[in-house]
């Protein structure tokens, strides 16, 4: 599987999920997620060439120099079905409503760029368990909390800034922070603070096994402003994360619940064993791609988490090379994985000549 990118920016571009389920290949476009069903099986020998059409800060369209194409030694990949998932206004709700009307007046692309800057929306992506098992759900949050926003304090009186105590049972939640962080408390007496900021010490992912049952709360960590606002009288605390739900196999449904922190770990050439409780991060030799392995394996490097089901979760970041040459990221799916689910955080792609 290959991805090509020609963006001038380093982007949280792709989340790759793969598993055993039947051949189903959703691809999600940055701020207007869409899913695409794949009729033919995905094998480890597939080579999917994708060109990203991205927009830079000046609004210019950037296309990779290589055209899109698909080549492999079995059947061709075809798009069979496309779905859109709604982006809902939450924190702050007025910004989410503003972005909704902006998308109608100025188009989804403009609203997507504004959302990336100011936040205000959440996008739950509901999967079909029969087709995507064990993946049940992926939610993309992008929010912002301002100390100068009077509507925020009114909203707090009836809508908490986070998720008060609620139960889970029989599945796993994986929470991956891109900005800001979370404060977790649960019925086991565990309190965890994690996120993407310096104060979180690299602990950016939580792996929560609900198992036989757990009750917990997750509240946004808005204790400190963004780095650019530190020392300012008026400040913003930006928040962004992915949360992925995985169904547990029947044999693990009543396993002991628990919550583990995963810390970022940069893999070097002379690295030996991957430390327990870490997410290996692999940077290419030319620093054009950064691959973070939450679970599963990439390029011979295996994540420290032992997932009870055959699945992979990988985040990919790409940036432009010199002289406008396209950036290529390659991944061979394990032979047992029949499904690849891609969430494209920014930009758009071509699949077998069809633009999405």
Protein backbone atom coordinates (compact mmCIF):
# COMPACT_ATOMS: atom_id res chain seq x y z
CA UNK A 1 0.00 0.00 0.00
CA UNK A 2 1.55 3.30 -1.09
CA UNK A 3 0.51 6.88 -0.47
CA UNK A 4 1.90 9.91 -2.29
CA UNK A 5 1.87 13.43 -0.88
CA UNK A 6 3.14 16.78 -2.12
CA UNK A 7 1.99 19.07 0.67
CA UNK A 8 4.47 21.70 1.92
CA UNK A 9 3.30 21.10 5.49
CA UNK A 10 3.80 18.34 8.01
CA UNK A 11 0.27 17.05 8.55
CA UNK A 12 -1.51 14.60 10.87
CA UNK A 13 -2.67 13.12 7.59
CA UNK A 14 -3.64 9.48 7.86
CA UNK A 15 -4.86 6.98 10.42
CA UNK A 16 -4.72 3.39 9.15
CA UNK A 17 -6.77 0.62 10.74
CA UNK A 18 -6.52 -2.93 9.42
CA UNK A 19 -8.05 -6.24 10.49
CA UNK A 20 -9.40 -9.61 9.40
CA UNK A 21 -12.93 -8.59 8.37
CA UNK A 22 -14.18 -8.90 4.79
CA UNK A 23 -12.77 -6.56 2.19
CA UNK A 24 -14.11 -3.16 3.17
CA UNK A 25 -12.03 -0.08 2.55
CA UNK A 26 -13.44 3.18 3.92
CA UNK A 27 -11.47 6.29 3.10
CA UNK A 28 -12.29 9.46 4.96
CA UNK A 29 -11.64 12.91 3.54
CA UNK A 30 -10.35 15.40 6.10
CA UNK A 31 -13.39 17.37 7.18
CA UNK A 32 -16.06 15.49 5.24
CA UNK A 33 -15.43 11.80 5.96
CA UNK A 34 -16.57 9.31 3.38
CA UNK A 35 -16.46 5.51 3.34
CA UNK A 36 -15.77 3.36 0.33
CA UNK A 37 -16.59 -0.31 0.15
CA UNK A 38 -14.14 -2.59 -1.63
CA UNK A 39 -15.47 -5.71 -3.35
CA UNK A 40 -12.16 -7.46 -3.98
CA UNK A 41 -9.87 -8.77 -1.26
CA UNK A 42 -6.89 -6.78 -0.04
CA UNK A 43 -3.70 -8.81 0.04
CA UNK A 44 -0.25 -8.06 1.36
CA UNK A 45 1.04 -7.70 -2.21
CA UNK A 46 -1.25 -4.79 -3.09
CA UNK A 47 0.30 -1.50 -4.24
CA UNK A 48 -2.11 1.42 -3.98
CA UNK A 49 -0.78 4.64 -5.48
CA UNK A 50 -2.57 7.73 -4.18
CA UNK A 51 -2.06 11.39 -5.12
CA UNK A 52 -3.10 14.02 -2.59
CA UNK A 53 -4.56 17.30 -3.81
CA UNK A 54 -3.98 19.66 -0.91
CA UNK A 55 -4.40 23.36 -0.35
CA UNK A 56 -1.55 25.45 1.06
CA UNK A 57 -1.87 28.53 3.24
CA UNK A 58 -2.32 30.74 0.18
CA UNK A 59 -5.24 28.66 -1.08
CA UNK A 60 -3.31 27.25 -4.05
CA UNK A 61 -3.99 23.70 -5.11
CA UNK A 62 -1.01 21.36 -4.92
CA UNK A 63 -0.95 18.08 -6.80
CA UNK A 64 1.64 15.34 -6.71
CA UNK A 65 3.68 14.97 -9.85
CA UNK A 66 2.87 11.30 -10.24
CA UNK A 67 -0.60 10.43 -11.40
CA UNK A 68 -2.85 8.14 -9.42
CA UNK A 69 -2.95 4.46 -10.18
CA UNK A 70 -3.49 1.04 -8.72
CA UNK A 71 -1.40 -1.99 -9.43
CA UNK A 72 -1.36 -5.42 -7.84
CA UNK A 73 -1.36 -9.03 -8.86
CA UNK A 74 -5.05 -9.66 -8.19
CA UNK A 75 -8.25 -7.73 -8.98
CA UNK A 76 -8.56 -3.96 -9.24
CA UNK A 77 -9.74 -1.83 -6.33
CA UNK A 78 -13.07 -0.20 -7.09
CA UNK A 79 -15.24 2.20 -5.12
CA UNK A 80 -18.65 0.65 -4.56
CA UNK A 81 -20.28 2.92 -1.99
CA UNK A 82 -19.71 6.39 -0.54
CA UNK A 83 -21.16 7.70 2.73
CA UNK A 84 -20.78 11.05 4.49
CA UNK A 85 -20.73 11.45 8.26
CA UNK A 86 -21.98 14.64 9.89
CA UNK A 87 -19.67 17.05 11.72
CA UNK A 88 -21.60 18.14 14.79
CA UNK A 89 -21.21 21.38 16.81
CA UNK A 90 -20.07 20.78 20.41
CA UNK A 91 -17.26 22.74 22.12
CA UNK A 92 -17.75 25.63 21.65
CA UNK A 93 -21.19 25.08 20.17
CA UNK A 94 -21.41 28.55 18.62
CA UNK A 95 -18.24 27.96 16.61
CA UNK A 96 -19.58 24.62 15.43
CA UNK A 97 -22.81 26.29 14.30
CA UNK A 98 -20.78 29.03 12.59
CA UNK A 99 -18.75 26.38 10.73
CA UNK A 100 -21.95 24.64 9.62
CA UNK A 101 -23.23 27.81 7.96
CA UNK A 102 -19.75 28.60 6.61
CA UNK A 103 -19.69 25.20 4.90
CA UNK A 104 -23.01 26.04 3.20
CA UNK A 105 -21.92 29.53 2.14
CA UNK A 106 -18.25 29.03 1.31
CA UNK A 107 -17.92 25.27 0.83
CA UNK A 108 -16.63 22.36 2.88
CA UNK A 109 -12.98 23.09 2.11
CA UNK A 110 -13.09 26.58 3.61
CA UNK A 111 -15.02 25.34 6.67
CA UNK A 112 -12.45 22.55 7.09
CA UNK A 113 -9.58 25.04 7.15
CA UNK A 114 -11.39 27.21 9.68
CA UNK A 115 -12.22 24.21 11.85
CA UNK A 116 -8.56 23.26 11.91
CA UNK A 117 -7.82 26.75 13.28
CA UNK A 118 -10.69 27.39 15.70
CA UNK A 119 -12.28 24.00 16.44
CA UNK A 120 -15.89 23.50 17.44
CA UNK A 121 -16.97 20.18 15.89
CA UNK A 122 -16.94 16.42 16.39
CA UNK A 123 -17.27 13.76 13.69
CA UNK A 124 -18.40 10.26 14.77
CA UNK A 125 -17.67 7.64 12.09
CA UNK A 126 -19.99 4.66 12.56
CA UNK A 127 -18.68 1.44 11.03
CA UNK A 128 -20.59 -1.66 10.04
CA UNK A 129 -19.48 -4.36 12.53
CA UNK A 130 -20.12 -7.18 10.06
CA UNK A 131 -17.78 -5.56 7.54
CA UNK A 132 -15.20 -3.87 9.79
CA UNK A 133 -15.00 -6.03 12.93
CA UNK A 134 -13.37 -5.51 15.40
CA UNK A 135 -13.57 -1.76 14.61
CA UNK A 136 -16.91 -0.38 15.76
CA UNK A 137 -16.46 3.38 15.82
CA UNK A 138 -13.95 6.17 15.30
CA UNK A 139 -14.62 9.70 16.56
CA UNK A 140 -12.59 12.74 15.55
CA UNK A 141 -12.79 15.63 18.03
CA UNK A 142 -11.53 19.18 17.33
CA UNK A 143 -12.43 21.74 19.98
CA UNK A 144 -11.20 24.98 21.53
CA UNK A 145 -11.86 26.46 24.97
CA UNK A 146 -11.29 30.22 25.36
CA UNK A 147 -11.14 32.01 28.71
CA UNK A 148 -12.70 35.09 27.08
CA UNK A 149 -15.77 33.30 25.65
CA UNK A 150 -18.90 34.20 27.69
CA UNK A 151 -21.00 31.58 25.87
CA UNK A 152 -18.60 28.90 27.10
CA UNK A 153 -19.43 29.64 30.74
CA UNK A 154 -23.16 29.57 30.03
CA UNK A 155 -22.75 26.25 28.21
CA UNK A 156 -20.83 24.82 31.19
CA UNK A 157 -23.93 25.12 33.40
CA UNK A 158 -25.78 22.43 31.45
CA UNK A 159 -23.15 20.81 29.20
CA UNK A 160 -19.91 19.72 30.95
CA UNK A 161 -16.55 20.12 29.20
CA UNK A 162 -16.00 16.43 28.70
CA UNK A 163 -17.78 13.17 29.43
CA UNK A 164 -19.02 12.67 33.02
CA UNK A 165 -19.09 9.20 34.60
CA UNK A 166 -20.46 6.52 32.26
CA UNK A 167 -20.05 2.72 31.96
CA UNK A 168 -18.35 0.56 29.31
CA UNK A 169 -18.23 -3.21 28.90
CA UNK A 170 -16.93 -5.74 26.40
CA UNK A 171 -14.68 -3.59 24.20
CA UNK A 172 -11.51 -1.47 24.02
CA UNK A 173 -11.27 2.29 23.56
CA UNK A 174 -8.07 3.80 22.15
CA UNK A 175 -7.76 7.56 22.65
CA UNK A 176 -5.00 9.27 20.64
CA UNK A 177 -4.36 12.94 21.50
CA UNK A 178 -3.11 15.35 18.81
CA UNK A 179 -3.60 18.59 20.74
CA UNK A 180 -4.39 19.28 24.38
CA UNK A 181 -5.22 16.31 26.59
CA UNK A 182 -7.65 14.41 28.82
CA UNK A 183 -8.17 13.81 32.54
CA UNK A 184 -9.39 10.27 33.23
CA UNK A 185 -10.89 8.86 36.47
CA UNK A 186 -12.50 5.45 36.85
CA UNK A 187 -14.18 2.98 39.21
CA UNK A 188 -10.87 1.17 39.75
CA UNK A 189 -9.55 4.23 41.55
CA UNK A 190 -7.24 5.17 38.66
CA UNK A 191 -6.60 8.78 37.66
CA UNK A 192 -4.63 9.51 34.50
CA UNK A 193 -3.71 12.78 32.82
CA UNK A 194 -2.39 12.41 29.29
CA UNK A 195 -2.18 14.30 26.02
CA UNK A 196 -0.06 15.87 23.31
CA UNK A 197 1.44 18.78 25.26
CA UNK A 198 4.82 19.06 26.98
CA UNK A 199 3.17 18.83 30.41
CA UNK A 200 1.97 15.31 29.57
CA UNK A 201 5.49 13.92 29.28
CA UNK A 202 4.93 12.05 26.01
CA UNK A 203 1.96 10.04 27.35
CA UNK A 204 -0.31 10.71 24.37
CA UNK A 205 -2.41 7.53 24.03
CA UNK A 206 -4.71 5.72 26.44
CA UNK A 207 -5.54 2.04 25.91
CA UNK A 208 -8.67 1.29 27.96
CA UNK A 209 -9.90 -2.31 28.22
CA UNK A 210 -13.48 -2.27 29.51
CA UNK A 211 -13.67 -6.06 29.73
CA UNK A 212 -16.13 -7.19 32.42
CA UNK A 213 -17.10 -3.57 33.04
CA UNK A 214 -15.73 -0.21 34.13
CA UNK A 215 -17.18 3.20 34.89
CA UNK A 216 -15.08 6.23 34.06
CA UNK A 217 -15.14 9.90 33.21
CA UNK A 218 -13.08 11.77 30.60
CA UNK A 219 -12.79 15.52 30.91
CA UNK A 220 -10.82 17.88 28.68
CA UNK A 221 -7.50 19.00 30.19
CA UNK A 222 -7.98 22.75 29.87
CA UNK A 223 -5.76 23.68 32.82
CA UNK A 224 -3.22 25.47 30.62
CA UNK A 225 -3.40 27.57 27.44
CA UNK A 226 -1.79 26.76 24.11
CA UNK A 227 1.95 27.35 24.02
CA UNK A 228 1.52 30.45 21.84
CA UNK A 229 -0.88 31.98 24.41
CA UNK A 230 1.18 31.39 27.55
CA UNK A 231 1.56 34.61 29.49
CA UNK A 232 -1.36 36.22 27.64
CA UNK A 233 -4.40 37.63 29.41
CA UNK A 234 -6.70 36.15 26.75
CA UNK A 235 -5.95 32.55 25.82
CA UNK A 236 -7.23 29.40 24.10
CA UNK A 237 -6.83 25.74 25.05
CA UNK A 238 -6.99 23.72 21.81
CA UNK A 239 -8.06 20.08 21.87
CA UNK A 240 -7.95 17.40 19.18
CA UNK A 241 -8.04 13.63 19.38
CA UNK A 242 -9.14 10.40 17.78
CA UNK A 243 -11.04 7.78 19.77
CA UNK A 244 -11.34 4.29 18.29
CA UNK A 245 -13.54 1.50 19.64
CA UNK A 246 -12.58 -2.17 19.12
CA UNK A 247 -14.89 -5.04 19.98
CA UNK A 248 -13.34 -7.72 22.21
CA UNK A 249 -13.51 -11.38 21.14
CA UNK A 250 -15.98 -13.48 23.12
CA UNK A 251 -13.18 -15.11 25.12
CA UNK A 252 -12.09 -11.68 26.42
CA UNK A 253 -15.49 -10.10 27.08
CA UNK A 254 -15.26 -10.77 30.82
CA UNK A 255 -11.54 -10.02 31.19
CA UNK A 256 -10.33 -7.71 33.96
CA UNK A 257 -10.77 -4.02 33.09
CA UNK A 258 -7.81 -1.67 33.05
CA UNK A 259 -6.42 1.58 31.66
CA UNK A 260 -2.86 1.81 30.31
CA UNK A 261 -0.85 4.83 29.21
CA UNK A 262 1.24 4.64 26.03
CA UNK A 263 4.23 6.95 25.69
CA UNK A 264 5.81 8.12 22.45
CA UNK A 265 9.10 6.33 21.69
CA UNK A 266 11.38 7.34 18.81
CA UNK A 267 12.84 4.27 17.11
CA UNK A 268 16.51 4.70 16.13
CA UNK A 269 18.73 2.53 13.96
CA UNK A 270 20.38 0.94 16.97
CA UNK A 271 17.12 0.51 18.92
CA UNK A 272 16.66 -2.97 20.32
CA UNK A 273 13.46 -4.00 22.09
CA UNK A 274 10.53 -1.60 22.12
CA UNK A 275 9.83 -0.48 25.73
CA UNK A 276 6.64 -1.70 27.33
CA UNK A 277 3.87 0.90 27.34
CA UNK A 278 5.11 2.81 24.30
CA UNK A 279 4.06 3.70 20.76
CA UNK A 280 7.04 3.26 18.43
CA UNK A 281 7.58 6.24 16.12
CA UNK A 282 9.56 5.63 12.92
CA UNK A 283 10.94 8.58 10.96
CA UNK A 284 12.13 7.90 7.40
CA UNK A 285 15.75 8.62 6.47
CA UNK A 286 14.80 11.80 4.60
CA UNK A 287 12.34 12.77 7.39
CA UNK A 288 9.48 12.96 4.88
CA UNK A 289 7.28 10.44 6.73
CA UNK A 290 6.62 9.79 10.41
CA UNK A 291 4.81 6.57 11.34
CA UNK A 292 3.39 5.94 14.81
CA UNK A 293 2.37 2.36 15.65
CA UNK A 294 -0.33 2.14 18.32
CA UNK A 295 -0.89 -1.58 17.80
CA UNK A 296 0.18 -4.04 15.14
CA UNK A 297 3.38 -3.89 13.11
CA UNK A 298 5.01 -1.65 10.51
CA UNK A 299 8.25 -2.26 8.61
CA UNK A 300 9.39 -4.96 11.02
CA UNK A 301 8.71 -2.88 14.14
CA UNK A 302 5.98 -4.20 16.43
CA UNK A 303 3.97 -2.14 18.92
CA UNK A 304 4.36 -2.94 22.61
CA UNK A 305 0.60 -3.40 23.11
CA UNK A 306 -0.68 -6.95 22.83
CA UNK A 307 -4.04 -6.53 21.14
CA UNK A 308 -6.40 -9.46 21.88
CA UNK A 309 -7.73 -9.32 18.33
CA UNK A 310 -5.85 -9.33 15.02
CA UNK A 311 -5.81 -5.61 14.21
CA UNK A 312 -3.47 -2.68 13.55
CA UNK A 313 -3.74 1.03 14.31
CA UNK A 314 -1.15 3.26 12.64
CA UNK A 315 -0.86 7.04 12.29
CA UNK A 316 1.08 8.49 9.35
CA UNK A 317 2.41 12.03 8.86
CA UNK A 318 3.83 13.19 5.53
CA UNK A 319 5.65 16.32 4.46
CA UNK A 320 6.93 17.61 1.17
CA UNK A 321 10.37 16.70 -0.07
CA UNK A 322 12.71 19.15 -1.73
CA UNK A 323 12.26 19.95 -5.42
CA UNK A 324 8.56 19.09 -5.28
CA UNK A 325 9.14 15.34 -5.51
CA UNK A 326 6.20 13.36 -4.08
CA UNK A 327 6.43 11.73 -0.68
CA UNK A 328 5.69 8.00 -0.74
CA UNK A 329 4.63 5.94 2.28
CA UNK A 330 4.47 2.17 1.83
CA UNK A 331 2.87 -0.45 4.03
CA UNK A 332 2.32 -4.16 3.42
CA UNK A 333 -0.85 -5.37 5.06
CA UNK A 334 -0.46 -8.65 6.97
CA UNK A 335 -1.78 -11.57 4.89
CA UNK A 336 -4.53 -12.17 7.48
CA UNK A 337 -5.91 -8.61 7.14
CA UNK A 338 -8.72 -8.28 4.61
CA UNK A 339 -9.77 -4.75 5.60
CA UNK A 340 -8.05 -1.36 5.51
CA UNK A 341 -9.81 1.69 6.94
CA UNK A 342 -8.18 5.04 6.25
CA UNK A 343 -9.09 8.30 7.94
CA UNK A 344 -7.58 11.13 5.92
CA UNK A 345 -7.17 14.05 8.32
CA UNK A 346 -6.44 16.64 5.62
CA UNK A 347 -6.53 16.80 1.85
CA UNK A 348 -8.14 14.52 -0.71
CA UNK A 349 -7.17 11.42 -2.68
CA UNK A 350 -7.67 9.63 -5.98
CA UNK A 351 -8.59 5.96 -5.90
CA UNK A 352 -8.32 4.14 -9.20
CA UNK A 353 -8.83 7.42 -11.06
CA UNK A 354 -11.84 8.53 -8.98
CA UNK A 355 -11.36 11.71 -6.95
CA UNK A 356 -12.60 11.70 -3.37
